[in-house]
Amino acid sequence: MNKRRAAVTTISVGNLTVGGNGKTPFTLFLANRLQSHGLKVAIASRGYNRARSPARTLLVAEGGVLKISPEEAGDEPAMLAKSFSGPIAVARRRIDAIEVLTQLGPLDVVILDDGFQHERLGRDVDLVLVSSQRGLGNGWMLPAGPMREPIGSVRRADAIVIVNSGDQVSALRPSEIQKFSSRKILRASIQPHALLAIENGAWREIPLGLVGRRVLTVSGLADARGFYAMLRELEADLVGVFEFSDHHAYTNADWQTIVTAMRDVDMVITTEKDLVKLERFPFPRDSLYALRLEVTMDPADMQVLDDLILGAVNKHATASHA
């Protein structure tokens, strides 16, 4: 396969299975981390399940300002725009998104959100995320199992990031970890960091305080079990659950159903990618919150990741000046 190469260092964050691997929180973590190193960073995404558009590429955000609706952008790019100050673009072909992003000004790095299977575009670093809690399921390909491609495809990756999102026992089998061993293996943790409240149209962090609170959950996830587990670990009392399909587009009827069920609860808690779609509805004041997650890594693993990416950036810069 002839691969297109971008004129900027390209880092892919992807996975082998559908949903629930922490890909979007990790993309945000990595983008902000690289910015802290003084790099100019952008994010390119397909914008899964976004509304059809005649435009080949859409600029989602620039300078932390969302320029199009979550429906046009896709929920995950819109969510990223809430917490990342760099530019974000969506396109079916990521190279088209990168071309638009590079026209905005100098860039050091573009992160491909969910780029592992997008093999038409060459990349400088390929990161594959695997959930410790979910593992690889039955190991079968879609639709019989959760796998997007066989486990042997990890040979294309530069590093495997095993993501732990709770205290549950790891679902990864020793034989699976053995197949990862030819790559660098890093570990990351995703844990609740704060609640997000809506205040004058902006998101504001407030401390986690859910002990004994009667909570109604609303989510549109591929696998909501990790979301529920986090809330239970925070000792919330889950008295009701609304579980929609992944990337669900909420309707007025959905909103009315949720509001009707709120009468006997203290608060509604959703995810960040659902909040970008639910915040347009007139929920009662101080009733709707999202669980904000935080990615952390041990210093040693963080150093390996920094070296891998900064090495690619320096190599790219040297080649472009040769």
C-alpha atoms as a PDB file:
ATOM      1  CA  MET A   1       0.000   0.000   0.000  1.00  0.00           C
ATOM      2  CA  ASN A   2       1.352   3.430  -0.982  1.00  0.00           C
ATOM      3  CA  LYS A   3       1.017   5.671   2.036  1.00  0.00           C
ATOM      4  CA  ARG A   4       0.646   9.426   1.982  1.00  0.00           C
ATOM      5  CA  ARG A   5       3.039  11.277   4.276  1.00  0.00           C
ATOM      6  CA  ALA A   6       2.136  14.496   6.033  1.00  0.00           C
ATOM      7  CA  ALA A   7       4.539  17.429   6.170  1.00  0.00           C
ATOM      8  CA  VAL A   8       4.339  17.385   9.981  1.00  0.00           C
ATOM      9  CA  THR A   9       5.121  14.795  12.659  1.00  0.00           C
ATOM     10  CA  THR A  10       2.091  12.521  12.901  1.00  0.00           C
ATOM     11  CA  ILE A  11       1.183  10.507  15.997  1.00  0.00           C
ATOM     12  CA  SER A  12      -1.645   7.968  15.891  1.00  0.00           C
ATOM     13  CA  VAL A  13      -3.653   7.019  18.981  1.00  0.00           C
ATOM     14  CA  GLY A  14      -5.779   3.980  18.233  1.00  0.00           C
ATOM     15  CA  ASN A  15      -6.960   0.588  19.409  1.00  0.00           C
ATOM     16  CA  LEU A  16      -7.605  -2.990  18.368  1.00  0.00           C
ATOM     17  CA  THR A  17     -11.131  -3.256  19.738  1.00  0.00           C
ATOM     18  CA  VAL A  18     -14.304  -1.193  19.586  1.00  0.00           C
ATOM     19  CA  GLY A  19     -14.903   1.346  22.333  1.00  0.00           C
ATOM     20  CA  GLY A  20     -14.006   1.586  25.979  1.00  0.00           C
ATOM     21  CA  ASN A  21     -10.213   1.825  25.751  1.00  0.00           C
ATOM     22  CA  GLY A  22      -9.825   5.436  26.874  1.00  0.00           C
ATOM     23  CA  LYS A  23      -8.704   6.609  23.443  1.00  0.00           C
ATOM     24  CA  THR A  24     -10.241  10.086  23.562  1.00  0.00           C
ATOM     25  CA  PRO A  25      -9.114  10.939  27.137  1.00  0.00           C
ATOM     26  CA  PHE A  26      -5.634   9.694  26.230  1.00  0.00           C
ATOM     27  CA  THR A  27      -5.598  11.792  23.045  1.00  0.00           C
ATOM     28  CA  LEU A  28      -6.437  14.857  25.135  1.00  0.00           C
ATOM     29  CA  PHE A  29      -3.815  13.952  27.743  1.00  0.00           C
ATOM     30  CA  LEU A  30      -1.155  13.516  25.065  1.00  0.00           C
ATOM     31  CA  ALA A  31      -2.065  16.738  23.234  1.00  0.00           C
ATOM     32  CA  ASN A  32      -1.873  18.789  26.415  1.00  0.00           C
ATOM     33  CA  ARG A  33       1.318  17.012  27.452  1.00  0.00           C
ATOM     34  CA  LEU A  34       3.049  17.869  24.166  1.00  0.00           C
ATOM     35  CA  GLN A  35       1.838  21.458  24.425  1.00  0.00           C
ATOM     36  CA  SER A  36       3.486  21.640  27.854  1.00  0.00           C
ATOM     37  CA  HIS A  37       6.762  20.815  26.099  1.00  0.00           C
ATOM     38  CA  GLY A  38       6.306  23.940  24.000  1.00  0.00           C
ATOM     39  CA  LEU A  39       5.167  22.126  20.863  1.00  0.00           C
ATOM     40  CA  LYS A  40       2.463  23.423  18.525  1.00  0.00           C
ATOM     41  CA  VAL A  41      -0.079  20.594  18.478  1.00  0.00           C
ATOM     42  CA  ALA A  42      -3.248  19.891  16.498  1.00  0.00           C
ATOM     43  CA  ILE A  43      -5.734  16.990  16.435  1.00  0.00           C
ATOM     44  CA  ALA A  44      -7.180  15.322  13.335  1.00  0.00           C
ATOM     45  CA  SER A  45     -10.187  13.008  13.609  1.00  0.00           C
ATOM     46  CA  ARG A  46     -12.665  11.232  11.404  1.00  0.00           C
ATOM     47  CA  GLY A  47     -15.468  12.581  13.607  1.00  0.00           C
ATOM     48  CA  TYR A  48     -17.295   9.279  13.815  1.00  0.00           C
ATOM     49  CA  ASN A  49     -21.073   9.428  13.341  1.00  0.00           C
ATOM     50  CA  ARG A  50     -21.097  13.161  12.600  1.00  0.00           C
ATOM     51  CA  ALA A  51     -23.748  14.655  10.350  1.00  0.00           C
ATOM     52  CA  ARG A  52     -23.087  14.463   6.637  1.00  0.00           C
ATOM     53  CA  SER A  53     -21.437  17.538   5.149  1.00  0.00           C
ATOM     54  CA  PRO A  54     -20.602  18.540   1.575  1.00  0.00           C
ATOM     55  CA  ALA A  55     -17.275  19.876   2.859  1.00  0.00           C
ATOM     56  CA  ARG A  56     -14.365  17.453   2.614  1.00  0.00           C
ATOM     57  CA  THR A  57     -12.843  18.870   5.815  1.00  0.00           C
ATOM     58  CA  LEU A  58     -14.344  20.815   8.714  1.00  0.00           C
ATOM     59  CA  LEU A  59     -12.415  22.939  11.192  1.00  0.00           C
ATOM     60  CA  VAL A  60     -13.946  21.977  14.541  1.00  0.00           C
ATOM     61  CA  ALA A  61     -12.113  24.328  16.873  1.00  0.00           C
ATOM     62  CA  GLU A  62      -9.303  26.825  17.088  1.00  0.00           C
ATOM     63  CA  GLY A  63      -7.997  28.573  20.170  1.00  0.00           C
ATOM     64  CA  GLY A  64     -10.330  26.559  22.388  1.00  0.00           C
ATOM     65  CA  VAL A  65     -13.408  27.887  20.570  1.00  0.00           C
ATOM     66  CA  LEU A  66     -15.858  25.390  19.053  1.00  0.00           C
ATOM     67  CA  LYS A  67     -16.647  26.622  15.530  1.00  0.00           C
ATOM     68  CA  ILE A  68     -19.330  24.119  14.532  1.00  0.00           C
ATOM     69  CA  SER A  69     -22.004  22.132  16.356  1.00  0.00           C
ATOM     70  CA  PRO A  70     -21.298  18.776  18.041  1.00  0.00           C
ATOM     71  CA  GLU A  71     -23.597  17.189  15.443  1.00  0.00           C
ATOM     72  CA  GLU A  72     -21.399  18.523  12.617  1.00  0.00           C
ATOM     73  CA  ALA A  73     -18.121  17.761  14.399  1.00  0.00           C
ATOM     74  CA  GLY A  74     -18.922  14.457  16.052  1.00  0.00           C
ATOM     75  CA  ASP A  75     -19.177  14.156  19.826  1.00  0.00           C
ATOM     76  CA  GLU A  76     -15.555  13.206  20.534  1.00  0.00           C
ATOM     77  CA  PRO A  77     -13.920  16.074  18.567  1.00  0.00           C
ATOM     78  CA  ALA A  78     -16.413  18.503  20.155  1.00  0.00           C
ATOM     79  CA  MET A  79     -15.521  17.144  23.587  1.00  0.00           C
ATOM     80  CA  LEU A  80     -11.803  17.531  22.870  1.00  0.00           C
ATOM     81  CA  ALA A  81     -12.407  21.154  21.877  1.00  0.00           C
ATOM     82  CA  LYS A  82     -13.722  21.884  25.372  1.00  0.00           C
ATOM     83  CA  SER A  83     -10.366  21.060  26.974  1.00  0.00           C
ATOM     84  CA  PHE A  84      -7.715  21.644  24.297  1.00  0.00           C
ATOM     85  CA  SER A  85      -6.575  25.019  23.001  1.00  0.00           C
ATOM     86  CA  GLY A  86      -5.039  23.818  19.739  1.00  0.00           C
ATOM     87  CA  PRO A  87      -6.830  23.433  16.394  1.00  0.00           C
ATOM     88  CA  ILE A  88      -8.983  20.376  15.657  1.00  0.00           C
ATOM     89  CA  ALA A  89     -10.277  19.264  12.251  1.00  0.00           C
ATOM     90  CA  VAL A  90     -12.372  16.355  11.010  1.00  0.00           C
ATOM     91  CA  ALA A  91     -12.271  14.600   7.647  1.00  0.00           C
ATOM     92  CA  ARG A  92     -12.847  11.103   6.323  1.00  0.00           C
ATOM     93  CA  ARG A  93      -9.293  11.201   4.926  1.00  0.00           C
ATOM     94  CA  ARG A  94      -7.027  12.379   7.742  1.00  0.00           C
ATOM     95  CA  ILE A  95      -4.549  13.837   5.240  1.00  0.00           C
ATOM     96  CA  ASP A  96      -7.247  16.347   4.227  1.00  0.00           C
ATOM     97  CA  ALA A  97      -7.685  17.376   7.868  1.00  0.00           C
ATOM     98  CA  ILE A  98      -3.926  17.753   8.300  1.00  0.00           C
ATOM     99  CA  GLU A  99      -3.673  19.960   5.212  1.00  0.00           C
ATOM    100  CA  VAL A 100      -6.307  22.319   6.635  1.00  0.00           C
ATOM    101  CA  LEU A 101      -4.601  22.340  10.037  1.00  0.00           C
ATOM    102  CA  THR A 102      -1.166  23.159   8.631  1.00  0.00           C
ATOM    103  CA  GLN A 103      -2.634  26.120   6.722  1.00  0.00           C
ATOM    104  CA  LEU A 104      -3.554  27.758  10.045  1.00  0.00           C
ATOM    105  CA  GLY A 105       0.078  28.229  11.035  1.00  0.00           C
ATOM    106  CA  PRO A 106       3.244  26.307  11.956  1.00  0.00           C
ATOM    107  CA  LEU A 107       2.703  22.927  13.592  1.00  0.00           C
ATOM    108  CA  ASP A 108       5.078  20.490  15.259  1.00  0.00           C
ATOM    109  CA  VAL A 109       2.713  17.556  15.791  1.00  0.00           C
ATOM    110  CA  VAL A 110      -0.675  16.338  14.600  1.00  0.00           C
ATOM    111  CA  ILE A 111      -2.348  13.635  16.690  1.00  0.00           C
ATOM    112  CA  LEU A 112      -4.649  11.258  14.821  1.00  0.00           C
ATOM    113  CA  ASP A 113      -7.570  10.398  17.096  1.00  0.00           C
ATOM    114  CA  ASP A 114      -8.483   6.766  16.308  1.00  0.00           C
ATOM    115  CA  GLY A 115      -5.933   6.396  13.528  1.00  0.00           C
ATOM    116  CA  PHE A 116      -4.535   2.869  13.846  1.00  0.00           C
ATOM    117  CA  GLN A 117      -6.703   1.349  11.102  1.00  0.00           C
ATOM    118  CA  HIS A 118      -6.246   4.386   8.812  1.00  0.00           C
ATOM    119  CA  GLU A 119      -3.244   2.855   7.078  1.00  0.00           C
ATOM    120  CA  ARG A 120      -3.362   5.041   3.977  1.00  0.00           C
ATOM    121  CA  LEU A 121      -1.637   7.785   5.943  1.00  0.00           C
ATOM    122  CA  GLY A 122       1.902   7.204   7.140  1.00  0.00           C
ATOM    123  CA  ARG A 123       2.658   8.162  10.708  1.00  0.00           C
ATOM    124  CA  ASP A 124       5.790   8.690  12.757  1.00  0.00           C
ATOM    125  CA  VAL A 125       4.566   7.042  15.967  1.00  0.00           C
ATOM    126  CA  ASP A 126       1.744   4.507  16.349  1.00  0.00           C
ATOM    127  CA  LEU A 127       0.271   4.059  19.821  1.00  0.00           C
ATOM    128  CA  VAL A 128      -2.272   1.302  20.478  1.00  0.00           C
ATOM    129  CA  LEU A 129      -4.417   1.417  23.614  1.00  0.00           C
ATOM    130  CA  VAL A 130      -5.731  -1.738  25.276  1.00  0.00           C
ATOM    131  CA  SER A 131      -8.114  -1.731  28.235  1.00  0.00           C
ATOM    132  CA  SER A 132      -6.875  -3.805  31.154  1.00  0.00           C
ATOM    133  CA  GLN A 133     -10.463  -4.313  32.363  1.00  0.00           C
ATOM    134  CA  ARG A 134     -12.012  -5.202  29.001  1.00  0.00           C
ATOM    135  CA  GLY A 135      -9.053  -6.972  27.447  1.00  0.00           C
ATOM    136  CA  LEU A 136      -9.635  -8.328  23.960  1.00  0.00           C
ATOM    137  CA  GLY A 137     -12.946 -10.012  24.716  1.00  0.00           C
ATOM    138  CA  ASN A 138     -13.322 -13.373  23.002  1.00  0.00           C
ATOM    139  CA  GLY A 139     -10.554 -12.423  20.558  1.00  0.00           C
ATOM    140  CA  TRP A 140     -12.905 -12.692  17.573  1.00  0.00           C
ATOM    141  CA  MET A 141     -13.328 -10.168  14.806  1.00  0.00           C
ATOM    142  CA  LEU A 142     -16.430  -8.007  14.420  1.00  0.00           C
ATOM    143  CA  PRO A 143     -19.323  -8.772  14.530  1.00  0.00           C
ATOM    144  CA  ALA A 144     -18.657 -12.015  16.425  1.00  0.00           C
ATOM    145  CA  GLY A 145     -16.329 -10.252  18.853  1.00  0.00           C
ATOM    146  CA  PRO A 146     -14.880  -6.815  19.651  1.00  0.00           C
ATOM    147  CA  MET A 147     -11.731  -7.027  17.517  1.00  0.00           C
ATOM    148  CA  ARG A 148     -11.275  -4.568  14.652  1.00  0.00           C
ATOM    149  CA  GLU A 149      -8.319  -6.594  13.361  1.00  0.00           C
ATOM    150  CA  PRO A 150      -6.239  -9.581  14.533  1.00  0.00           C
ATOM    151  CA  ILE A 151      -3.964  -9.229  17.550  1.00  0.00           C
ATOM    152  CA  GLY A 152      -0.939  -9.765  15.314  1.00  0.00           C
ATOM    153  CA  SER A 153      -1.472  -6.301  13.855  1.00  0.00           C
ATOM    154  CA  VAL A 154       0.216  -4.861  16.961  1.00  0.00           C
ATOM    155  CA  ARG A 155       3.430  -5.387  14.996  1.00  0.00           C
ATOM    156  CA  ARG A 156       2.608  -2.081  13.276  1.00  0.00           C
ATOM    157  CA  ALA A 157       2.586  -0.265  16.622  1.00  0.00           C
ATOM    158  CA  ASP A 158       5.543   1.475  18.233  1.00  0.00           C
ATOM    159  CA  ALA A 159       4.093   1.075  21.724  1.00  0.00           C
ATOM    160  CA  ILE A 160       1.160  -0.608  23.457  1.00  0.00           C
ATOM    161  CA  VAL A 161      -0.461   1.413  26.245  1.00  0.00           C
ATOM    162  CA  ILE A 162      -2.355  -0.806  28.703  1.00  0.00           C
ATOM    163  CA  VAL A 163      -5.021   1.387  30.265  1.00  0.00           C
ATOM    164  CA  ASN A 164      -6.291   0.680  33.761  1.00  0.00           C
ATOM    165  CA  SER A 165      -9.600   2.353  34.627  1.00  0.00           C
ATOM    166  CA  GLY A 166     -10.445   0.783  37.963  1.00  0.00           C
ATOM    167  CA  ASP A 167      -9.593  -1.736  40.625  1.00  0.00           C
ATOM    168  CA  GLN A 168     -11.038  -4.703  38.787  1.00  0.00           C
ATOM    169  CA  VAL A 169      -8.847  -7.675  37.930  1.00  0.00           C
ATOM    170  CA  SER A 170      -7.181  -7.427  34.520  1.00  0.00           C
ATOM    171  CA  ALA A 171      -8.986  -9.300  31.740  1.00  0.00           C
ATOM    172  CA  LEU A 172      -5.817  -9.577  29.644  1.00  0.00           C
ATOM    173  CA  ARG A 173      -4.571 -13.142  29.362  1.00  0.00           C
ATOM    174  CA  PRO A 174      -0.834 -13.895  29.708  1.00  0.00           C
ATOM    175  CA  SER A 175      -0.819 -15.208  26.128  1.00  0.00           C
ATOM    176  CA  GLU A 176      -2.148 -11.856  24.898  1.00  0.00           C
ATOM    177  CA  ILE A 177       0.408  -9.863  26.857  1.00  0.00           C
ATOM    178  CA  GLN A 178       3.091 -12.162  25.430  1.00  0.00           C
ATOM    179  CA  LYS A 179       2.009 -11.131  21.918  1.00  0.00           C
ATOM    180  CA  PHE A 180       2.487  -7.490  22.920  1.00  0.00           C
ATOM    181  CA  SER A 181       6.020  -8.097  24.191  1.00  0.00           C
ATOM    182  CA  SER A 182       7.707  -7.352  20.859  1.00  0.00           C
ATOM    183  CA  ARG A 183       6.580  -3.715  21.299  1.00  0.00           C
ATOM    184  CA  LYS A 184       7.217  -1.207  24.058  1.00  0.00           C
ATOM    185  CA  ILE A 185       4.584  -1.757  26.755  1.00  0.00           C
ATOM    186  CA  LEU A 186       3.506   1.287  28.747  1.00  0.00           C
ATOM    187  CA  ARG A 187       0.809   1.636  31.368  1.00  0.00           C
ATOM    188  CA  ALA A 188      -1.659   4.440  32.011  1.00  0.00           C
ATOM    189  CA  SER A 189      -4.452   4.962  34.485  1.00  0.00           C
ATOM    190  CA  ILE A 190      -7.779   6.712  33.926  1.00  0.00           C
ATOM    191  CA  GLN A 191      -9.583   7.836  37.048  1.00  0.00           C
ATOM    192  CA  PRO A 192     -12.338  10.322  37.929  1.00  0.00           C
ATOM    193  CA  HIS A 193     -10.875  13.774  38.516  1.00  0.00           C
ATOM    194  CA  ALA A 194     -13.863  16.097  39.021  1.00  0.00           C
ATOM    195  CA  LEU A 195     -17.464  16.748  38.137  1.00  0.00           C
ATOM    196  CA  LEU A 196     -18.268  19.183  35.359  1.00  0.00           C
ATOM    197  CA  ALA A 197     -21.082  21.653  35.910  1.00  0.00           C
ATOM    198  CA  ILE A 198     -22.536  23.995  33.278  1.00  0.00           C
ATOM    199  CA  GLU A 199     -22.289  27.638  34.280  1.00  0.00           C
ATOM    200  CA  ASN A 200     -23.333  30.386  31.840  1.00  0.00           C
ATOM    201  CA  GLY A 201     -22.691  28.071  28.928  1.00  0.00           C
ATOM    202  CA  ALA A 202     -19.185  27.122  30.112  1.00  0.00           C
ATOM    203  CA  TRP A 203     -17.968  23.952  31.810  1.00  0.00           C
ATOM    204  CA  ARG A 204     -16.664  24.373  35.351  1.00  0.00           C
ATOM    205  CA  GLU A 205     -14.944  21.727  37.464  1.00  0.00           C
ATOM    206  CA  ILE A 206     -16.315  21.054  40.928  1.00  0.00           C
ATOM    207  CA  PRO A 207     -15.002  18.532  43.479  1.00  0.00           C
ATOM    208  CA  LEU A 208     -16.150  14.945  43.450  1.00  0.00           C
ATOM    209  CA  GLY A 209     -18.716  14.535  46.213  1.00  0.00           C
ATOM    210  CA  LEU A 210     -21.008  11.638  45.435  1.00  0.00           C
ATOM    211  CA  VAL A 211     -21.101   9.620  48.638  1.00  0.00           C
ATOM    212  CA  GLY A 212     -24.712   8.602  49.208  1.00  0.00           C
ATOM    213  CA  ARG A 213     -26.033  10.877  46.456  1.00  0.00           C
ATOM    214  CA  ARG A 214     -28.962   9.455  44.501  1.00  0.00           C
ATOM    215  CA  VAL A 215     -27.714   9.465  40.923  1.00  0.00           C
ATOM    216  CA  LEU A 216     -29.376   8.922  37.563  1.00  0.00           C
ATOM    217  CA  THR A 217     -26.845   8.081  34.838  1.00  0.00           C
ATOM    218  CA  VAL A 218     -27.187   8.927  31.153  1.00  0.00           C
ATOM    219  CA  SER A 219     -24.658   7.621  28.654  1.00  0.00           C
ATOM    220  CA  GLY A 220     -24.152   6.694  25.020  1.00  0.00           C
ATOM    221  CA  LEU A 221     -21.095   4.436  25.157  1.00  0.00           C
ATOM    222  CA  ALA A 222     -19.932   1.265  23.462  1.00  0.00           C
ATOM    223  CA  ASP A 223     -19.509  -0.240  26.941  1.00  0.00           C
ATOM    224  CA  ALA A 224     -20.799   1.667  29.973  1.00  0.00           C
ATOM    225  CA  ARG A 225     -19.619  -0.819  32.615  1.00  0.00           C
ATOM    226  CA  GLY A 226     -16.466   1.140  33.405  1.00  0.00           C
ATOM    227  CA  PHE A 227     -18.493   4.338  33.817  1.00  0.00           C
ATOM    228  CA  TYR A 228     -20.807   2.666  36.334  1.00  0.00           C
ATOM    229  CA  ALA A 229     -17.884   1.083  38.174  1.00  0.00           C
ATOM    230  CA  MET A 230     -16.227   4.468  38.654  1.00  0.00           C
ATOM    231  CA  LEU A 231     -19.424   5.977  40.078  1.00  0.00           C
ATOM    232  CA  ARG A 232     -19.889   3.051  42.452  1.00  0.00           C
ATOM    233  CA  GLU A 233     -16.273   3.382  43.615  1.00  0.00           C
ATOM    234  CA  LEU A 234     -17.145   7.004  44.436  1.00  0.00           C
ATOM    235  CA  GLU A 235     -20.012   5.572  46.556  1.00  0.00           C
ATOM    236  CA  ALA A 236     -22.786   7.093  44.470  1.00  0.00           C
ATOM    237  CA  ASP A 237     -26.205   5.450  44.785  1.00  0.00           C
ATOM    238  CA  LEU A 238     -27.146   4.559  41.198  1.00  0.00           C
ATOM    239  CA  VAL A 239     -30.919   4.617  41.348  1.00  0.00           C
ATOM    240  CA  GLY A 240     -31.542   4.818  37.601  1.00  0.00           C
ATOM    241  CA  VAL A 241     -29.740   4.182  34.335  1.00  0.00           C
ATOM    242  CA  PHE A 242     -30.388   5.446  30.809  1.00  0.00           C
ATOM    243  CA  GLU A 243     -28.142   3.562  28.423  1.00  0.00           C
ATOM    244  CA  PHE A 244     -28.167   4.709  24.795  1.00  0.00           C
ATOM    245  CA  SER A 245     -26.197   3.430  21.805  1.00  0.00           C
ATOM    246  CA  ASP A 246     -22.649   4.657  21.238  1.00  0.00           C
ATOM    247  CA  HIS A 247     -22.512   8.230  19.865  1.00  0.00           C
ATOM    248  CA  HIS A 248     -26.267   8.594  20.374  1.00  0.00           C
ATOM    249  CA  ALA A 249     -27.857  11.800  19.051  1.00  0.00           C
ATOM    250  CA  TYR A 250     -30.197  12.979  21.810  1.00  0.00           C
ATOM    251  CA  THR A 251     -33.701  14.133  20.901  1.00  0.00           C
ATOM    252  CA  ASN A 252     -36.330  16.232  22.661  1.00  0.00           C
ATOM    253  CA  ALA A 253     -38.150  13.006  23.473  1.00  0.00           C
ATOM    254  CA  ASP A 254     -34.997  11.641  25.154  1.00  0.00           C
ATOM    255  CA  TRP A 255     -34.673  14.841  27.175  1.00  0.00           C
ATOM    256  CA  GLN A 256     -38.295  14.681  28.303  1.00  0.00           C
ATOM    257  CA  THR A 257     -37.893  11.052  29.358  1.00  0.00           C
ATOM    258  CA  ILE A 258     -34.766  11.870  31.364  1.00  0.00           C
ATOM    259  CA  VAL A 259     -36.353  14.890  33.062  1.00  0.00           C
ATOM    260  CA  THR A 260     -39.404  12.824  34.036  1.00  0.00           C
ATOM    261  CA  ALA A 261     -37.108  10.266  35.700  1.00  0.00           C
ATOM    262  CA  MET A 262     -35.231  12.978  37.632  1.00  0.00           C
ATOM    263  CA  ARG A 263     -37.956  13.596  40.184  1.00  0.00           C
ATOM    264  CA  ASP A 264     -36.561  11.246  42.821  1.00  0.00           C
ATOM    265  CA  VAL A 265     -32.811  11.779  42.277  1.00  0.00           C
ATOM    266  CA  ASP A 266     -30.233  14.273  43.503  1.00  0.00           C
ATOM    267  CA  MET A 267     -28.369  14.654  40.214  1.00  0.00           C
ATOM    268  CA  VAL A 268     -27.915  13.362  36.680  1.00  0.00           C
ATOM    269  CA  ILE A 269     -24.389  12.301  35.755  1.00  0.00           C
ATOM    270  CA  THR A 270     -23.273  11.716  32.199  1.00  0.00           C
ATOM    271  CA  THR A 271     -19.980  11.511  30.313  1.00  0.00           C
ATOM    272  CA  GLU A 272     -18.109  14.409  28.739  1.00  0.00           C
ATOM    273  CA  LYS A 273     -18.859  13.262  25.203  1.00  0.00           C
ATOM    274  CA  ASP A 274     -22.564  13.043  26.085  1.00  0.00           C
ATOM    275  CA  LEU A 275     -22.543  16.410  27.863  1.00  0.00           C
ATOM    276  CA  VAL A 276     -21.571  18.217  24.642  1.00  0.00           C
ATOM    277  CA  LYS A 277     -24.883  16.982  23.180  1.00  0.00           C
ATOM    278  CA  LEU A 278     -27.071  17.243  26.281  1.00  0.00           C
ATOM    279  CA  GLU A 279     -26.088  20.746  27.406  1.00  0.00           C
ATOM    280  CA  ARG A 280     -28.330  22.374  24.783  1.00  0.00           C
ATOM    281  CA  PHE A 281     -31.439  21.042  26.537  1.00  0.00           C
ATOM    282  CA  PRO A 282     -33.037  23.073  29.375  1.00  0.00           C
ATOM    283  CA  PHE A 283     -32.351  20.772  32.325  1.00  0.00           C
ATOM    284  CA  PRO A 284     -33.297  22.100  35.757  1.00  0.00           C
ATOM    285  CA  ARG A 285     -30.603  24.282  37.289  1.00  0.00           C
ATOM    286  CA  ASP A 286     -27.747  22.434  39.039  1.00  0.00           C
ATOM    287  CA  SER A 287     -28.996  19.021  38.001  1.00  0.00           C
ATOM    288  CA  LEU A 288     -26.813  17.881  35.081  1.00  0.00           C
ATOM    289  CA  TYR A 289     -23.138  16.976  35.562  1.00  0.00           C
ATOM    290  CA  ALA A 290     -20.455  15.026  33.735  1.00  0.00           C
ATOM    291  CA  LEU A 291     -17.700  12.877  35.170  1.00  0.00           C
ATOM    292  CA  ARG A 292     -14.346  14.309  34.129  1.00  0.00           C
ATOM    293  CA  LEU A 293     -11.585  11.731  33.809  1.00  0.00           C
ATOM    294  CA  GLU A 294      -7.851  12.186  34.259  1.00  0.00           C
ATOM    295  CA  VAL A 295      -5.073  10.162  32.630  1.00  0.00           C
ATOM    296  CA  THR A 296      -1.883   9.565  34.608  1.00  0.00           C
ATOM    297  CA  MET A 297       1.283   7.591  33.923  1.00  0.00           C
ATOM    298  CA  ASP A 298       4.222   6.586  36.085  1.00  0.00           C
ATOM    299  CA  PRO A 299       7.230   8.897  35.530  1.00  0.00           C
ATOM    300  CA  ALA A 300       9.279   6.106  33.940  1.00  0.00           C
ATOM    301  CA  ASP A 301       6.590   5.267  31.379  1.00  0.00           C
ATOM    302  CA  MET A 302       5.956   8.951  30.759  1.00  0.00           C
ATOM    303  CA  GLN A 303       9.653   9.411  30.002  1.00  0.00           C
ATOM    304  CA  VAL A 304       9.605   6.553  27.495  1.00  0.00           C
ATOM    305  CA  LEU A 305       6.577   8.099  25.772  1.00  0.00           C
ATOM    306  CA  ASP A 306       8.178  11.556  25.739  1.00  0.00           C
ATOM    307  CA  ASP A 307      11.402  10.167  24.280  1.00  0.00           C
ATOM    308  CA  LEU A 308       9.512   8.252  21.594  1.00  0.00           C
ATOM    309  CA  ILE A 309       7.499  11.257  20.422  1.00  0.00           C
ATOM    310  CA  LEU A 310      10.076  14.007  20.905  1.00  0.00           C
ATOM    311  CA  GLY A 311      12.575  11.821  19.074  1.00  0.00           C
ATOM    312  CA  ALA A 312      10.164  11.602  16.133  1.00  0.00           C
ATOM    313  CA  VAL A 313       9.609  15.377  16.204  1.00  0.00           C
ATOM    314  CA  ASN A 314      13.348  16.058  16.157  1.00  0.00           C
ATOM    315  CA  LYS A 315      13.906  13.504  13.382  1.00  0.00           C
ATOM    316  CA  HIS A 316      11.157  15.097  11.304  1.00  0.00           C
ATOM    317  CA  ALA A 317      12.564  18.587  11.868  1.00  0.00           C
ATOM    318  CA  THR A 318      16.076  17.464  10.908  1.00  0.00           C
ATOM    319  CA  ALA A 319      14.820  15.775   7.712  1.00  0.00           C
ATOM    320  CA  SER A 320      12.794  18.848   6.683  1.00  0.00           C
ATOM    321  CA  HIS A 321      15.862  21.087   6.980  1.00  0.00           C
ATOM    322  CA  ALA A 322      18.186  18.684   5.189  1.00  0.00           C
END
